[in-house]
Amino acid sequence: MAQPPHAQRIPEDPDKPRRFMFVLLDKFSLLCFSTAVESLRIANRMAGRTLYEWQTIGEGGQHAACSAGIVFQLDNDLVEMNREDTIMVCSGIDVQSATSKKVLSWLRRESRKGLIIGGLCTGAYSLAKAGLLDGRRATIHWENQDSFGEEFEEVTLTKSVFVVDNNRMTTAGGTSSIDLMLKLIADDHGEDLANAVADQLIYSSIRTDQDTQRLSVPTRIGVRHPKLSAVIQIMETNIEEPISPSILAQDVGMSTRQLERLFRRYLNRSPKRYYMELRLQKARNLLMQTDMSVINVALACGFASPSHFSKCYRAHYDTTPYRERGSHAARLSI
């Protein structure tokens, strides 16, 4: 299958610096923003000339606070962009609240010019909410994947570190801003410059859009048993309609009793208990990150009734789904 075109602008003047406009939403990720800007700064330094320029903009044009509480003075409000500008929406926790109607209207208006628009960390949510990722491939931080997938079914969600789909770009958060910027620098000015920037960042493992953001199952659970890893992977991809232990065992060529022993030996819990914990973790993510009703959260995580869901949730988290959502909302309002 043919790869989508690079997110590379064709300037009228090839010597004119490429300008990035970083839209800083409330509680944006400082790591994602700073590593993106540093990559551009170092590219200028290594090239010995100004290849890139950047500004920070945001709603109101005054200040924006990152999730660590540090406040940044913005260069401008959500002003009109030039056709050659590249927009990067930087977000972090509670992106739903930070994505205001004004931000959405501005994104839709600027997208009609054909601009390259990217979302760093949870910025993909803002782009999807504005309808800019419909029919596109995208990624978002693994913690937000469950809620994103439920809300934006028209977006092809991947687990990649970053995704470039024509003039839309998204990253998974963390250090993935570096990977995306190195790709853009390589596309604009060649691999040698991108490698020089990586060396300056002491970034020795450059990732591509083929790399996934989370560790493999064996690495995450600390166990390198192929059949155990295979079963867990099946569990993770079948949350809404859980599969019975007997069928899981059959799928990997063992008996149900062997599967039970395998889980007890390596994870100190039964397959049923482990599966339940995966489902409850997804439920917690949906409660925290979406406005889905508790009934719909229960159904999305394989529970036949809200009462059974509430009972299991309370047994595991020592609180009810309703109280969990309420306390989370209270913490965000502080």
C-alpha atoms as a PDB file:
ATOM      1  CA  MET A   1       0.000   0.000   0.000  1.00  0.00           C
ATOM      2  CA  ALA A   2       1.351   3.405  -0.936  1.00  0.00           C
ATOM      3  CA  GLN A   3       2.510   5.618   1.894  1.00  0.00           C
ATOM      4  CA  PRO A   4       0.699   8.967   2.372  1.00  0.00           C
ATOM      5  CA  PRO A   5       2.602  12.064   1.273  1.00  0.00           C
ATOM      6  CA  HIS A   6       4.974  13.717   3.707  1.00  0.00           C
ATOM      7  CA  ALA A   7       3.795  16.693   5.723  1.00  0.00           C
ATOM      8  CA  GLN A   8       6.270  18.896   3.915  1.00  0.00           C
ATOM      9  CA  ARG A   9       5.348  22.369   2.779  1.00  0.00           C
ATOM     10  CA  ILE A  10       6.574  23.678  -0.574  1.00  0.00           C
ATOM     11  CA  PRO A  11       7.659  27.274   0.055  1.00  0.00           C
ATOM     12  CA  GLU A  12       7.454  30.009  -2.520  1.00  0.00           C
ATOM     13  CA  ASP A  13      10.929  31.070  -1.383  1.00  0.00           C
ATOM     14  CA  PRO A  14      13.122  28.013  -0.581  1.00  0.00           C
ATOM     15  CA  ASP A  15      15.401  30.176   1.590  1.00  0.00           C
ATOM     16  CA  LYS A  16      12.516  31.423   3.712  1.00  0.00           C
ATOM     17  CA  PRO A  17      12.417  29.764   7.154  1.00  0.00           C
ATOM     18  CA  ARG A  18       9.599  27.340   7.846  1.00  0.00           C
ATOM     19  CA  ARG A  19       7.403  28.757  10.601  1.00  0.00           C
ATOM     20  CA  PHE A  20       5.801  26.606  13.294  1.00  0.00           C
ATOM     21  CA  MET A  21       2.889  27.995  15.282  1.00  0.00           C
ATOM     22  CA  PHE A  22       2.575  26.171  18.593  1.00  0.00           C
ATOM     23  CA  VAL A  23      -0.958  26.374  19.994  1.00  0.00           C
ATOM     24  CA  LEU A  24      -0.603  25.940  23.754  1.00  0.00           C
ATOM     25  CA  LEU A  25      -3.794  24.628  25.344  1.00  0.00           C
ATOM     26  CA  ASP A  26      -4.385  24.731  29.076  1.00  0.00           C
ATOM     27  CA  LYS A  27      -2.367  22.086  30.982  1.00  0.00           C
ATOM     28  CA  PHE A  28      -0.294  21.224  27.902  1.00  0.00           C
ATOM     29  CA  SER A  29       2.592  18.774  28.172  1.00  0.00           C
ATOM     30  CA  LEU A  30       5.832  20.678  28.730  1.00  0.00           C
ATOM     31  CA  LEU A  31       7.934  17.730  27.565  1.00  0.00           C
ATOM     32  CA  CYS A  32       6.155  17.447  24.208  1.00  0.00           C
ATOM     33  CA  PHE A  33       6.377  21.182  23.554  1.00  0.00           C
ATOM     34  CA  SER A  34       9.940  21.745  24.712  1.00  0.00           C
ATOM     35  CA  THR A  35      11.459  18.795  22.836  1.00  0.00           C
ATOM     36  CA  ALA A  36       9.742  19.916  19.625  1.00  0.00           C
ATOM     37  CA  VAL A  37      11.094  23.467  19.929  1.00  0.00           C
ATOM     38  CA  GLU A  38      14.551  22.302  20.960  1.00  0.00           C
ATOM     39  CA  SER A  39      14.761  20.071  17.901  1.00  0.00           C
ATOM     40  CA  LEU A  40      14.068  23.087  15.667  1.00  0.00           C
ATOM     41  CA  ARG A  41      16.511  25.302  17.573  1.00  0.00           C
ATOM     42  CA  ILE A  42      19.292  22.760  17.280  1.00  0.00           C
ATOM     43  CA  ALA A  43      18.573  22.309  13.563  1.00  0.00           C
ATOM     44  CA  ASN A  44      19.168  26.032  13.098  1.00  0.00           C
ATOM     45  CA  ARG A  45      22.386  25.840  15.080  1.00  0.00           C
ATOM     46  CA  MET A  46      23.717  22.810  13.205  1.00  0.00           C
ATOM     47  CA  ALA A  47      22.844  24.384   9.833  1.00  0.00           C
ATOM     48  CA  GLY A  48      24.421  27.712  10.746  1.00  0.00           C
ATOM     49  CA  ARG A  49      21.357  29.594   9.566  1.00  0.00           C
ATOM     50  CA  THR A  50      17.671  30.054  10.380  1.00  0.00           C
ATOM     51  CA  LEU A  51      15.816  27.135   8.844  1.00  0.00           C
ATOM     52  CA  TYR A  52      12.936  27.300  11.306  1.00  0.00           C
ATOM     53  CA  GLU A  53      11.045  29.956  13.205  1.00  0.00           C
ATOM     54  CA  TRP A  54       8.321  29.488  15.788  1.00  0.00           C
ATOM     55  CA  GLN A  55       5.761  31.328  17.854  1.00  0.00           C
ATOM     56  CA  THR A  56       3.472  30.389  20.720  1.00  0.00           C
ATOM     57  CA  ILE A  57      -0.184  31.272  20.392  1.00  0.00           C
ATOM     58  CA  GLY A  58      -3.326  30.472  22.304  1.00  0.00           C
ATOM     59  CA  GLU A  59      -6.813  31.517  23.235  1.00  0.00           C
ATOM     60  CA  GLY A  60      -6.715  35.051  24.630  1.00  0.00           C
ATOM     61  CA  GLY A  61      -3.114  35.596  23.531  1.00  0.00           C
ATOM     62  CA  GLN A  62      -1.846  36.231  27.062  1.00  0.00           C
ATOM     63  CA  HIS A  63      -0.612  33.210  29.016  1.00  0.00           C
ATOM     64  CA  ALA A  64      -0.785  29.413  28.999  1.00  0.00           C
ATOM     65  CA  ALA A  65       0.042  27.070  31.870  1.00  0.00           C
ATOM     66  CA  CYS A  66       1.530  23.638  31.306  1.00  0.00           C
ATOM     67  CA  SER A  67       0.517  20.593  33.351  1.00  0.00           C
ATOM     68  CA  ALA A  68       3.517  21.202  35.658  1.00  0.00           C
ATOM     69  CA  GLY A  69       2.108  24.613  36.568  1.00  0.00           C
ATOM     70  CA  ILE A  70       4.707  26.714  34.757  1.00  0.00           C
ATOM     71  CA  VAL A  71       3.110  29.696  33.011  1.00  0.00           C
ATOM     72  CA  PHE A  72       4.272  30.803  29.553  1.00  0.00           C
ATOM     73  CA  GLN A  73       3.710  34.185  27.977  1.00  0.00           C
ATOM     74  CA  LEU A  74       2.170  33.763  24.542  1.00  0.00           C
ATOM     75  CA  ASP A  75       3.304  35.610  21.424  1.00  0.00           C
ATOM     76  CA  ASN A  76      -0.208  36.055  20.086  1.00  0.00           C
ATOM     77  CA  ASP A  77      -3.880  35.105  20.120  1.00  0.00           C
ATOM     78  CA  LEU A  78      -5.428  32.599  17.696  1.00  0.00           C
ATOM     79  CA  VAL A  79      -4.707  34.840  14.722  1.00  0.00           C
ATOM     80  CA  GLU A  80      -4.943  34.143  11.009  1.00  0.00           C
ATOM     81  CA  MET A  81      -2.131  31.981   9.652  1.00  0.00           C
ATOM     82  CA  ASN A  82      -0.092  32.193   6.472  1.00  0.00           C
ATOM     83  CA  ARG A  83      -0.565  29.378   3.964  1.00  0.00           C
ATOM     84  CA  GLU A  84       2.979  28.097   4.558  1.00  0.00           C
ATOM     85  CA  ASP A  85       2.701  27.959   8.357  1.00  0.00           C
ATOM     86  CA  THR A  86       2.674  24.652  10.215  1.00  0.00           C
ATOM     87  CA  ILE A  87       0.307  24.485  13.178  1.00  0.00           C
ATOM     88  CA  MET A  88       1.147  22.301  16.179  1.00  0.00           C
ATOM     89  CA  VAL A  89      -1.546  21.893  18.839  1.00  0.00           C
ATOM     90  CA  CYS A  90       0.085  21.105  22.185  1.00  0.00           C
ATOM     91  CA  SER A  91      -2.098  19.606  24.866  1.00  0.00           C
ATOM     92  CA  GLY A  92      -1.865  17.338  27.881  1.00  0.00           C
ATOM     93  CA  ILE A  93      -4.220  16.339  30.663  1.00  0.00           C
ATOM     94  CA  ASP A  94      -7.939  17.159  30.559  1.00  0.00           C
ATOM     95  CA  VAL A  95      -7.753  18.001  26.859  1.00  0.00           C
ATOM     96  CA  GLN A  96     -11.546  17.829  26.605  1.00  0.00           C
ATOM     97  CA  SER A  97     -11.937  20.956  28.748  1.00  0.00           C
ATOM     98  CA  ALA A  98      -9.022  22.737  27.084  1.00  0.00           C
ATOM     99  CA  THR A  99     -10.498  22.245  23.613  1.00  0.00           C
ATOM    100  CA  SER A 100     -12.881  25.195  23.610  1.00  0.00           C
ATOM    101  CA  LYS A 101     -15.381  26.222  20.932  1.00  0.00           C
ATOM    102  CA  LYS A 102     -13.061  29.055  19.941  1.00  0.00           C
ATOM    103  CA  VAL A 103     -10.149  26.656  19.436  1.00  0.00           C
ATOM    104  CA  LEU A 104     -12.316  24.329  17.345  1.00  0.00           C
ATOM    105  CA  SER A 105     -13.641  27.142  15.155  1.00  0.00           C
ATOM    106  CA  TRP A 106     -10.139  28.466  14.614  1.00  0.00           C
ATOM    107  CA  LEU A 107      -8.779  25.035  13.667  1.00  0.00           C
ATOM    108  CA  ARG A 108     -11.596  24.452  11.174  1.00  0.00           C
ATOM    109  CA  ARG A 109     -11.096  27.872   9.615  1.00  0.00           C
ATOM    110  CA  GLU A 110      -7.342  27.479   9.229  1.00  0.00           C
ATOM    111  CA  SER A 111      -7.644  23.916   7.926  1.00  0.00           C
ATOM    112  CA  ARG A 112      -9.628  25.198   4.951  1.00  0.00           C
ATOM    113  CA  LYS A 113      -6.426  26.868   3.728  1.00  0.00           C
ATOM    114  CA  GLY A 114      -4.795  23.460   3.373  1.00  0.00           C
ATOM    115  CA  LEU A 115      -2.271  24.082   6.156  1.00  0.00           C
ATOM    116  CA  ILE A 116      -0.271  21.293   7.734  1.00  0.00           C
ATOM    117  CA  ILE A 117      -1.731  20.770  11.192  1.00  0.00           C
ATOM    118  CA  GLY A 118      -0.333  18.516  13.906  1.00  0.00           C
ATOM    119  CA  GLY A 119      -1.285  17.450  17.400  1.00  0.00           C
ATOM    120  CA  LEU A 120       1.341  16.745  20.050  1.00  0.00           C
ATOM    121  CA  CYS A 121       0.466  14.335  22.876  1.00  0.00           C
ATOM    122  CA  THR A 122      -3.305  14.614  23.363  1.00  0.00           C
ATOM    123  CA  GLY A 123      -3.526  17.355  20.734  1.00  0.00           C
ATOM    124  CA  ALA A 124      -4.930  14.654  18.437  1.00  0.00           C
ATOM    125  CA  TYR A 125      -8.166  14.951  20.421  1.00  0.00           C
ATOM    126  CA  SER A 126      -8.525  18.624  19.467  1.00  0.00           C
ATOM    127  CA  LEU A 127      -7.924  17.836  15.807  1.00  0.00           C
ATOM    128  CA  ALA A 128     -10.414  14.964  15.858  1.00  0.00           C
ATOM    129  CA  LYS A 129     -13.019  17.050  17.679  1.00  0.00           C
ATOM    130  CA  ALA A 130     -12.690  19.672  14.938  1.00  0.00           C
ATOM    131  CA  GLY A 131     -13.251  16.945  12.328  1.00  0.00           C
ATOM    132  CA  LEU A 132      -9.734  17.284  10.915  1.00  0.00           C
ATOM    133  CA  LEU A 133      -8.876  13.598  11.313  1.00  0.00           C
ATOM    134  CA  ASP A 134     -11.985  12.072   9.752  1.00  0.00           C
ATOM    135  CA  GLY A 135     -10.923   9.239   7.460  1.00  0.00           C
ATOM    136  CA  ARG A 136      -7.283   9.669   8.544  1.00  0.00           C
ATOM    137  CA  ARG A 137      -4.769   7.605  10.464  1.00  0.00           C
ATOM    138  CA  ALA A 138      -3.731   9.061  13.805  1.00  0.00           C
ATOM    139  CA  THR A 139      -2.217   8.282  17.184  1.00  0.00           C
ATOM    140  CA  ILE A 140      -2.553   9.558  20.733  1.00  0.00           C
ATOM    141  CA  HIS A 141      -0.974   8.727  24.098  1.00  0.00           C
ATOM    142  CA  TRP A 142      -1.761   5.121  25.060  1.00  0.00           C
ATOM    143  CA  GLU A 143      -3.578   6.282  28.203  1.00  0.00           C
ATOM    144  CA  ASN A 144      -6.115   8.115  26.008  1.00  0.00           C
ATOM    145  CA  GLN A 145      -6.536   5.448  23.342  1.00  0.00           C
ATOM    146  CA  ASP A 146      -9.610   3.821  24.853  1.00  0.00           C
ATOM    147  CA  SER A 147     -11.597   7.039  25.163  1.00  0.00           C
ATOM    148  CA  PHE A 148     -10.419   8.348  21.788  1.00  0.00           C
ATOM    149  CA  GLY A 149     -11.441   5.145  20.027  1.00  0.00           C
ATOM    150  CA  GLU A 150     -14.906   5.254  21.579  1.00  0.00           C
ATOM    151  CA  GLU A 151     -15.531   8.892  20.633  1.00  0.00           C
ATOM    152  CA  PHE A 152     -13.967   9.090  17.172  1.00  0.00           C
ATOM    153  CA  GLU A 153     -14.868   5.941  15.263  1.00  0.00           C
ATOM    154  CA  GLU A 154     -14.239   7.682  11.930  1.00  0.00           C
ATOM    155  CA  VAL A 155     -10.526   8.015  12.765  1.00  0.00           C
ATOM    156  CA  THR A 156      -8.200   5.064  12.173  1.00  0.00           C
ATOM    157  CA  LEU A 157      -6.375   4.974  15.495  1.00  0.00           C
ATOM    158  CA  THR A 158      -2.937   3.381  15.606  1.00  0.00           C
ATOM    159  CA  LYS A 159      -0.483   2.670  18.411  1.00  0.00           C
ATOM    160  CA  SER A 160       2.422   4.253  16.531  1.00  0.00           C
ATOM    161  CA  VAL A 161       4.839   6.721  18.107  1.00  0.00           C
ATOM    162  CA  PHE A 162       3.743   9.265  15.519  1.00  0.00           C
ATOM    163  CA  VAL A 163       1.638   9.328  12.379  1.00  0.00           C
ATOM    164  CA  VAL A 164       1.896  11.537   9.292  1.00  0.00           C
ATOM    165  CA  ASP A 165      -1.156  11.263   7.055  1.00  0.00           C
ATOM    166  CA  ASN A 166      -0.857  13.791   4.255  1.00  0.00           C
ATOM    167  CA  ASN A 167      -1.163  17.216   5.912  1.00  0.00           C
ATOM    168  CA  ARG A 168      -2.138  15.881   9.338  1.00  0.00           C
ATOM    169  CA  MET A 169       0.361  14.823  11.997  1.00  0.00           C
ATOM    170  CA  THR A 170      -0.143  13.333  15.447  1.00  0.00           C
ATOM    171  CA  THR A 171       2.188  12.053  18.151  1.00  0.00           C
ATOM    172  CA  ALA A 172       1.787   9.758  21.126  1.00  0.00           C
ATOM    173  CA  GLY A 173       3.269  12.128  23.691  1.00  0.00           C
ATOM    174  CA  GLY A 174       6.447  11.917  25.754  1.00  0.00           C
ATOM    175  CA  THR A 175       9.563  12.058  23.630  1.00  0.00           C
ATOM    176  CA  SER A 176       7.679  11.254  20.410  1.00  0.00           C
ATOM    177  CA  SER A 177       7.825  14.974  19.516  1.00  0.00           C
ATOM    178  CA  ILE A 178      11.528  14.454  18.876  1.00  0.00           C
ATOM    179  CA  ASP A 179      10.854  11.577  16.471  1.00  0.00           C
ATOM    180  CA  LEU A 180       8.319  13.585  14.491  1.00  0.00           C
ATOM    181  CA  MET A 181      10.549  16.663  14.325  1.00  0.00           C
ATOM    182  CA  LEU A 182      13.535  14.619  13.203  1.00  0.00           C
ATOM    183  CA  LYS A 183      11.420  13.209  10.385  1.00  0.00           C
ATOM    184  CA  LEU A 184      10.312  16.687   9.322  1.00  0.00           C
ATOM    185  CA  ILE A 185      13.873  17.996   9.469  1.00  0.00           C
ATOM    186  CA  ALA A 186      15.062  15.042   7.377  1.00  0.00           C
ATOM    187  CA  ASP A 187      12.277  15.620   4.833  1.00  0.00           C
ATOM    188  CA  ASP A 188      13.066  19.338   4.652  1.00  0.00           C
ATOM    189  CA  HIS A 189      16.862  19.319   4.752  1.00  0.00           C
ATOM    190  CA  GLY A 190      18.165  15.754   4.637  1.00  0.00           C
ATOM    191  CA  GLU A 191      19.064  12.860   6.920  1.00  0.00           C
ATOM    192  CA  ASP A 192      22.500  14.243   7.810  1.00  0.00           C
ATOM    193  CA  LEU A 193      21.029  17.288   9.522  1.00  0.00           C
ATOM    194  CA  ALA A 194      18.393  15.202  11.318  1.00  0.00           C
ATOM    195  CA  ASN A 195      21.115  12.848  12.589  1.00  0.00           C
ATOM    196  CA  ALA A 196      23.196  15.802  13.754  1.00  0.00           C
ATOM    197  CA  VAL A 197      20.220  17.110  15.720  1.00  0.00           C
ATOM    198  CA  ALA A 198      19.671  13.668  17.266  1.00  0.00           C
ATOM    199  CA  ASP A 199      23.328  13.535  18.304  1.00  0.00           C
ATOM    200  CA  GLN A 200      23.046  16.921  20.002  1.00  0.00           C
ATOM    201  CA  LEU A 201      19.975  15.687  21.871  1.00  0.00           C
ATOM    202  CA  ILE A 202      21.875  12.496  22.800  1.00  0.00           C
ATOM    203  CA  TYR A 203      18.961  10.685  21.216  1.00  0.00           C
ATOM    204  CA  SER A 204      20.462   7.433  20.020  1.00  0.00           C
ATOM    205  CA  SER A 205      17.324   5.448  19.104  1.00  0.00           C
ATOM    206  CA  ILE A 206      15.411   7.406  16.483  1.00  0.00           C
ATOM    207  CA  ARG A 207      11.955   5.894  16.031  1.00  0.00           C
ATOM    208  CA  THR A 208       9.813   5.866  12.901  1.00  0.00           C
ATOM    209  CA  ASP A 209       6.066   5.766  12.388  1.00  0.00           C
ATOM    210  CA  GLN A 210       6.386   1.965  12.333  1.00  0.00           C
ATOM    211  CA  ASP A 211       7.409   1.882  16.013  1.00  0.00           C
ATOM    212  CA  THR A 212       4.734   1.414  18.667  1.00  0.00           C
ATOM    213  CA  GLN A 213       4.543   3.600  21.753  1.00  0.00           C
ATOM    214  CA  ARG A 214       4.096   0.951  24.427  1.00  0.00           C
ATOM    215  CA  LEU A 215       6.487  -1.775  25.444  1.00  0.00           C
ATOM    216  CA  SER A 216       5.809  -5.270  24.158  1.00  0.00           C
ATOM    217  CA  VAL A 217       3.675  -7.555  26.308  1.00  0.00           C
ATOM    218  CA  PRO A 218       6.665  -9.652  27.502  1.00  0.00           C
ATOM    219  CA  THR A 219       8.551  -6.517  28.534  1.00  0.00           C
ATOM    220  CA  ARG A 220       5.560  -4.976  30.300  1.00  0.00           C
ATOM    221  CA  ILE A 221       4.717  -8.058  32.370  1.00  0.00           C
ATOM    222  CA  GLY A 222       8.351  -9.038  32.862  1.00  0.00           C
ATOM    223  CA  VAL A 223       7.755 -12.527  31.505  1.00  0.00           C
ATOM    224  CA  ARG A 224       9.001 -13.954  28.216  1.00  0.00           C
ATOM    225  CA  HIS A 225       6.636 -16.854  27.735  1.00  0.00           C
ATOM    226  CA  PRO A 226       5.232 -16.835  24.173  1.00  0.00           C
ATOM    227  CA  LYS A 227       1.881 -18.478  24.967  1.00  0.00           C
ATOM    228  CA  LEU A 228       1.247 -16.249  27.974  1.00  0.00           C
ATOM    229  CA  SER A 229       2.063 -13.178  25.908  1.00  0.00           C
ATOM    230  CA  ALA A 230      -0.252 -14.361  23.133  1.00  0.00           C
ATOM    231  CA  VAL A 231      -3.171 -14.850  25.522  1.00  0.00           C
ATOM    232  CA  ILE A 232      -2.691 -11.408  27.092  1.00  0.00           C
ATOM    233  CA  GLN A 233      -2.585  -9.832  23.657  1.00  0.00           C
ATOM    234  CA  ILE A 234      -5.879 -11.531  22.767  1.00  0.00           C
ATOM    235  CA  MET A 235      -7.371 -10.257  26.023  1.00  0.00           C
ATOM    236  CA  GLU A 236      -6.261  -6.685  25.348  1.00  0.00           C
ATOM    237  CA  THR A 237      -7.898  -6.653  21.928  1.00  0.00           C
ATOM    238  CA  ASN A 238     -11.170  -8.239  23.115  1.00  0.00           C
ATOM    239  CA  ILE A 239     -12.361  -6.074  25.995  1.00  0.00           C
ATOM    240  CA  GLU A 240     -15.934  -5.366  24.865  1.00  0.00           C
ATOM    241  CA  GLU A 241     -16.687  -9.051  24.261  1.00  0.00           C
ATOM    242  CA  PRO A 242     -14.524 -11.074  26.682  1.00  0.00           C
ATOM    243  CA  ILE A 243     -13.420 -14.543  25.628  1.00  0.00           C
ATOM    244  CA  SER A 244     -13.730 -17.468  28.025  1.00  0.00           C
ATOM    245  CA  PRO A 245     -10.535 -19.039  29.482  1.00  0.00           C
ATOM    246  CA  SER A 246     -11.303 -22.326  27.728  1.00  0.00           C
ATOM    247  CA  ILE A 247     -11.366 -20.666  24.298  1.00  0.00           C
ATOM    248  CA  LEU A 248      -8.257 -18.614  25.119  1.00  0.00           C
ATOM    249  CA  ALA A 249      -6.450 -21.811  26.070  1.00  0.00           C
ATOM    250  CA  GLN A 250      -7.622 -23.508  22.886  1.00  0.00           C
ATOM    251  CA  ASP A 251      -6.411 -20.565  20.780  1.00  0.00           C
ATOM    252  CA  VAL A 252      -2.824 -21.020  22.011  1.00  0.00           C
ATOM    253  CA  GLY A 253      -2.867 -24.836  22.006  1.00  0.00           C
ATOM    254  CA  MET A 254      -3.150 -25.742  25.671  1.00  0.00           C
ATOM    255  CA  SER A 255      -5.706 -26.953  28.177  1.00  0.00           C
ATOM    256  CA  THR A 256      -7.658 -24.660  30.472  1.00  0.00           C
ATOM    257  CA  ARG A 257      -5.839 -26.168  33.457  1.00  0.00           C
ATOM    258  CA  GLN A 258      -2.450 -25.467  31.872  1.00  0.00           C
ATOM    259  CA  LEU A 259      -3.503 -21.871  31.237  1.00  0.00           C
ATOM    260  CA  GLU A 260      -4.570 -21.488  34.868  1.00  0.00           C
ATOM    261  CA  ARG A 261      -1.215 -22.824  36.070  1.00  0.00           C
ATOM    262  CA  LEU A 262       0.646 -20.498  33.679  1.00  0.00           C
ATOM    263  CA  PHE A 263      -1.092 -17.384  35.022  1.00  0.00           C
ATOM    264  CA  ARG A 264      -0.680 -18.487  38.632  1.00  0.00           C
ATOM    265  CA  ARG A 265       3.005 -19.167  38.167  1.00  0.00           C
ATOM    266  CA  TYR A 266       3.970 -15.959  36.400  1.00  0.00           C
ATOM    267  CA  LEU A 267       1.303 -13.405  37.409  1.00  0.00           C
ATOM    268  CA  ASN A 268      -0.018 -14.802  40.704  1.00  0.00           C
ATOM    269  CA  ARG A 269      -3.626 -14.536  39.582  1.00  0.00           C
ATOM    270  CA  SER A 270      -6.089 -16.494  37.493  1.00  0.00           C
ATOM    271  CA  PRO A 271      -6.697 -15.694  33.807  1.00  0.00           C
ATOM    272  CA  LYS A 272     -10.227 -14.571  34.751  1.00  0.00           C
ATOM    273  CA  ARG A 273      -8.872 -12.173  37.403  1.00  0.00           C
ATOM    274  CA  TYR A 274      -6.242 -10.741  35.063  1.00  0.00           C
ATOM    275  CA  TYR A 275      -8.837 -10.239  32.306  1.00  0.00           C
ATOM    276  CA  MET A 276     -11.151  -8.497  34.772  1.00  0.00           C
ATOM    277  CA  GLU A 277      -8.375  -6.100  35.793  1.00  0.00           C
ATOM    278  CA  LEU A 278      -7.751  -5.187  32.137  1.00  0.00           C
ATOM    279  CA  ARG A 279     -11.446  -4.466  31.634  1.00  0.00           C
ATOM    280  CA  LEU A 280     -11.684  -2.390  34.801  1.00  0.00           C
ATOM    281  CA  GLN A 281      -8.636  -0.367  33.810  1.00  0.00           C
ATOM    282  CA  LYS A 282     -10.249   0.482  30.497  1.00  0.00           C
ATOM    283  CA  ALA A 283     -13.451   1.369  32.322  1.00  0.00           C
ATOM    284  CA  ARG A 284     -11.549   3.719  34.598  1.00  0.00           C
ATOM    285  CA  ASN A 285      -9.955   5.440  31.596  1.00  0.00           C
ATOM    286  CA  LEU A 286     -13.362   5.936  29.995  1.00  0.00           C
ATOM    287  CA  LEU A 287     -14.855   7.313  33.201  1.00  0.00           C
ATOM    288  CA  MET A 288     -11.995   9.791  33.583  1.00  0.00           C
ATOM    289  CA  GLN A 289     -11.652  10.886  29.972  1.00  0.00           C
ATOM    290  CA  THR A 290     -15.125  10.793  28.405  1.00  0.00           C
ATOM    291  CA  ASP A 291     -18.702  11.855  29.079  1.00  0.00           C
ATOM    292  CA  MET A 292     -19.984   8.348  28.344  1.00  0.00           C
ATOM    293  CA  SER A 293     -22.725   7.214  30.701  1.00  0.00           C
ATOM    294  CA  VAL A 294     -21.781   4.593  33.279  1.00  0.00           C
ATOM    295  CA  ILE A 295     -24.091   2.153  31.484  1.00  0.00           C
ATOM    296  CA  ASN A 296     -22.258   2.657  28.176  1.00  0.00           C
ATOM    297  CA  VAL A 297     -18.881   2.375  29.913  1.00  0.00           C
ATOM    298  CA  ALA A 298     -20.017  -0.920  31.399  1.00  0.00           C
ATOM    299  CA  LEU A 299     -21.105  -2.253  27.999  1.00  0.00           C
ATOM    300  CA  ALA A 300     -17.878  -1.076  26.319  1.00  0.00           C
ATOM    301  CA  CYS A 301     -15.890  -3.077  28.858  1.00  0.00           C
ATOM    302  CA  GLY A 302     -17.846  -6.301  28.595  1.00  0.00           C
ATOM    303  CA  PHE A 303     -20.197  -6.015  31.591  1.00  0.00           C
ATOM    304  CA  ALA A 304     -23.750  -7.181  31.005  1.00  0.00           C
ATOM    305  CA  SER A 305     -25.311  -4.910  33.630  1.00  0.00           C
ATOM    306  CA  PRO A 306     -24.427  -1.667  35.491  1.00  0.00           C
ATOM    307  CA  SER A 307     -24.947  -3.390  38.855  1.00  0.00           C
ATOM    308  CA  HIS A 308     -22.394  -6.099  38.072  1.00  0.00           C
ATOM    309  CA  PHE A 309     -19.985  -3.463  36.747  1.00  0.00           C
ATOM    310  CA  SER A 310     -20.382  -1.347  39.881  1.00  0.00           C
ATOM    311  CA  LYS A 311     -19.849  -4.347  42.140  1.00  0.00           C
ATOM    312  CA  CYS A 312     -16.649  -5.391  40.340  1.00  0.00           C
ATOM    313  CA  TYR A 313     -15.381  -1.800  40.175  1.00  0.00           C
ATOM    314  CA  ARG A 314     -15.894  -1.246  43.882  1.00  0.00           C
ATOM    315  CA  ALA A 315     -14.195  -4.513  44.781  1.00  0.00           C
ATOM    316  CA  HIS A 316     -11.112  -3.511  42.782  1.00  0.00           C
ATOM    317  CA  TYR A 317     -10.885   0.272  43.295  1.00  0.00           C
ATOM    318  CA  ASP A 318     -12.737   0.595  46.624  1.00  0.00           C
ATOM    319  CA  THR A 319     -15.134   3.162  45.159  1.00  0.00           C
ATOM    320  CA  THR A 320     -18.078   3.184  42.784  1.00  0.00           C
ATOM    321  CA  PRO A 321     -17.881   4.322  39.143  1.00  0.00           C
ATOM    322  CA  TYR A 322     -20.111   7.304  39.965  1.00  0.00           C
ATOM    323  CA  ARG A 323     -17.926   8.437  42.867  1.00  0.00           C
ATOM    324  CA  GLU A 324     -14.776   7.892  40.803  1.00  0.00           C
ATOM    325  CA  ARG A 325     -16.046  10.221  38.109  1.00  0.00           C
ATOM    326  CA  GLY A 326     -17.193  12.800  40.648  1.00  0.00           C
ATOM    327  CA  SER A 327     -13.898  12.880  42.541  1.00  0.00           C
ATOM    328  CA  HIS A 328     -11.961  13.115  39.291  1.00  0.00           C
ATOM    329  CA  ALA A 329     -14.016  16.120  38.183  1.00  0.00           C
ATOM    330  CA  ALA A 330     -13.464  17.740  41.584  1.00  0.00           C
ATOM    331  CA  ARG A 331      -9.681  17.289  41.334  1.00  0.00           C
ATOM    332  CA  LEU A 332      -9.601  18.881  37.885  1.00  0.00           C
ATOM    333  CA  SER A 333     -11.550  21.916  39.090  1.00  0.00           C
ATOM    334  CA  ILE A 334      -9.020  22.723  41.818  1.00  0.00           C
END
